[in-house]
Amino acid sequence: GVIEIADALLINKADGDNFQKAKNAAIEYQNALHLFPASYPFWYPKVGVCSALNKEGIQESWNMISEFKDLSKKNNFFEENRKNQNIKWFYNSIDSILKRKFYNSNQKLNSISKL
């Protein structure tokens, strides 16, 4: 099977009684991520905690996201990945349009129902 690893993992609700649980979970996730090979030569997934309620860890979370974006642009991954995504989205759009036109055709629906 295929396993897709996130580029970053943020654990929210790290506040009140959940703070230590969130910190422990972050450590566990970080340890687990080391079991998998890095997806990129320039980045290893990072784990952080935050509390939207208390507005804590938000800037650090944004910094983590910005760091990945900056490094992926510096390594030309961002543009190449965006190009591949656009191609995939384009083909998915064509596929969706063709299927919709096919299944919205009464003649095709009648043919399918006879099967």
Protein backbone atom coordinates (compact mmCIF):
# COMPACT_ATOMS: atom_id res chain seq x y z
CA GLY A 1 0.00 0.00 0.00
CA VAL A 2 0.88 3.64 -0.33
CA ILE A 3 1.42 5.78 2.74
CA GLU A 4 1.36 9.53 2.35
CA ILE A 5 3.10 11.47 5.08
CA ALA A 6 2.05 15.01 5.93
CA ASP A 7 4.60 17.79 5.52
CA ALA A 8 3.71 19.10 8.98
CA LEU A 9 1.45 18.04 11.80
CA LEU A 10 -0.17 20.52 14.18
CA ILE A 11 -1.99 19.41 17.29
CA ASN A 12 -4.63 21.94 18.29
CA LYS A 13 -6.39 22.28 21.63
CA ALA A 14 -3.08 22.32 23.51
CA ASP A 15 -4.63 24.19 26.41
CA GLY A 16 -5.89 23.55 29.92
CA ASP A 17 -5.84 19.89 30.92
CA ASN A 18 -5.00 18.95 27.33
CA PHE A 19 -1.71 20.84 27.18
CA GLN A 20 0.51 18.04 28.47
CA LYS A 21 -1.46 15.43 26.49
CA ALA A 22 -0.93 17.47 23.32
CA LYS A 23 2.80 17.81 24.05
CA ASN A 24 3.07 14.06 24.66
CA ALA A 25 1.16 13.34 21.45
CA ALA A 26 3.51 15.66 19.54
CA ILE A 27 6.52 13.72 20.84
CA GLU A 28 4.90 10.42 19.87
CA TYR A 29 4.07 11.68 16.37
CA GLN A 30 7.57 13.09 15.89
CA ASN A 31 9.06 9.75 16.94
CA ALA A 32 6.73 7.88 14.59
CA LEU A 33 7.59 10.15 11.66
CA HIS A 34 11.24 9.15 12.01
CA LEU A 35 10.25 5.61 11.03
CA PHE A 36 9.47 6.77 7.49
CA PRO A 37 11.89 8.06 4.87
CA ALA A 38 11.78 11.78 4.18
CA SER A 39 9.54 12.78 1.29
CA TYR A 40 11.88 15.57 0.23
CA PRO A 41 15.64 16.02 0.45
CA PHE A 42 15.13 19.52 1.87
CA TRP A 43 12.46 18.84 4.55
CA TYR A 44 11.60 16.41 7.27
CA PRO A 45 8.02 16.62 8.66
CA LYS A 46 7.72 18.69 11.79
CA VAL A 47 5.21 18.46 14.60
CA GLY A 48 3.89 21.34 16.67
CA VAL A 49 1.19 22.15 19.17
CA CYS A 50 -1.11 25.12 19.31
CA SER A 51 -4.20 26.43 21.01
CA ALA A 52 -6.65 28.38 18.90
CA LEU A 53 -8.62 29.07 22.07
CA ASN A 54 -5.68 30.73 23.82
CA LYS A 55 -4.07 31.95 20.59
CA GLU A 56 -0.84 30.15 21.51
CA GLY A 57 1.48 28.46 19.06
CA ILE A 58 -0.26 30.12 16.11
CA GLN A 59 2.78 32.16 15.04
CA GLU A 60 5.06 29.12 15.44
CA SER A 61 2.64 27.09 13.32
CA TRP A 62 2.62 29.76 10.63
CA ASN A 63 6.43 29.93 10.76
CA MET A 64 6.59 26.17 10.19
CA ILE A 65 4.30 26.44 7.17
CA SER A 66 6.25 29.42 5.81
CA GLU A 67 9.55 27.60 6.27
CA PHE A 68 8.30 24.64 4.23
CA LYS A 69 6.96 26.95 1.52
CA ASP A 70 10.21 28.94 1.36
CA LEU A 71 12.37 25.81 1.19
CA SER A 72 10.13 24.19 -1.41
CA LYS A 73 10.35 27.33 -3.57
CA LYS A 74 14.12 27.53 -3.10
CA ASN A 75 14.40 23.90 -4.27
CA ASN A 76 12.00 24.42 -7.22
CA PHE A 77 9.66 21.87 -5.72
CA PHE A 78 6.82 24.34 -5.21
CA GLU A 79 6.56 25.37 -8.87
CA GLU A 80 7.05 21.83 -10.18
CA ASN A 81 4.47 20.43 -7.78
CA ARG A 82 1.98 23.20 -8.66
CA LYS A 83 2.50 22.46 -12.38
CA ASN A 84 1.82 18.75 -11.79
CA GLN A 85 -1.23 19.58 -9.67
CA ASN A 86 -2.61 21.83 -12.41
CA ILE A 87 -2.19 19.07 -14.98
CA LYS A 88 -3.90 16.57 -12.68
CA TRP A 89 -6.75 19.01 -11.94
CA PHE A 90 -7.13 19.68 -15.67
CA TYR A 91 -7.49 15.97 -16.48
CA ASN A 92 -9.83 15.48 -13.52
CA SER A 93 -12.00 18.33 -14.83
CA ILE A 94 -12.16 16.76 -18.28
CA ASP A 95 -13.02 13.41 -16.74
CA SER A 96 -15.75 14.97 -14.63
CA ILE A 97 -17.26 16.90 -17.55
CA LEU A 98 -17.26 13.86 -19.82
CA LYS A 99 -18.83 11.64 -17.17
CA ARG A 100 -21.48 14.25 -16.39
CA LYS A 101 -22.36 14.65 -20.08
CA PHE A 102 -22.42 10.89 -20.54
CA TYR A 103 -24.64 10.16 -17.55
CA ASN A 104 -26.93 13.12 -18.23
CA SER A 105 -27.75 11.75 -21.66
CA ASN A 106 -31.18 10.07 -21.68
CA GLN A 107 -30.10 7.82 -24.55
CA LYS A 108 -27.11 6.56 -22.52
CA LEU A 109 -29.23 6.08 -19.40
CA ASN A 110 -31.74 4.02 -21.40
CA SER A 111 -28.91 1.91 -22.79
CA ILE A 112 -27.47 1.37 -19.32
CA SER A 113 -30.85 0.38 -17.88
CA LYS A 114 -31.21 -2.30 -20.61
CA LEU A 115 -28.01 -3.95 -19.46
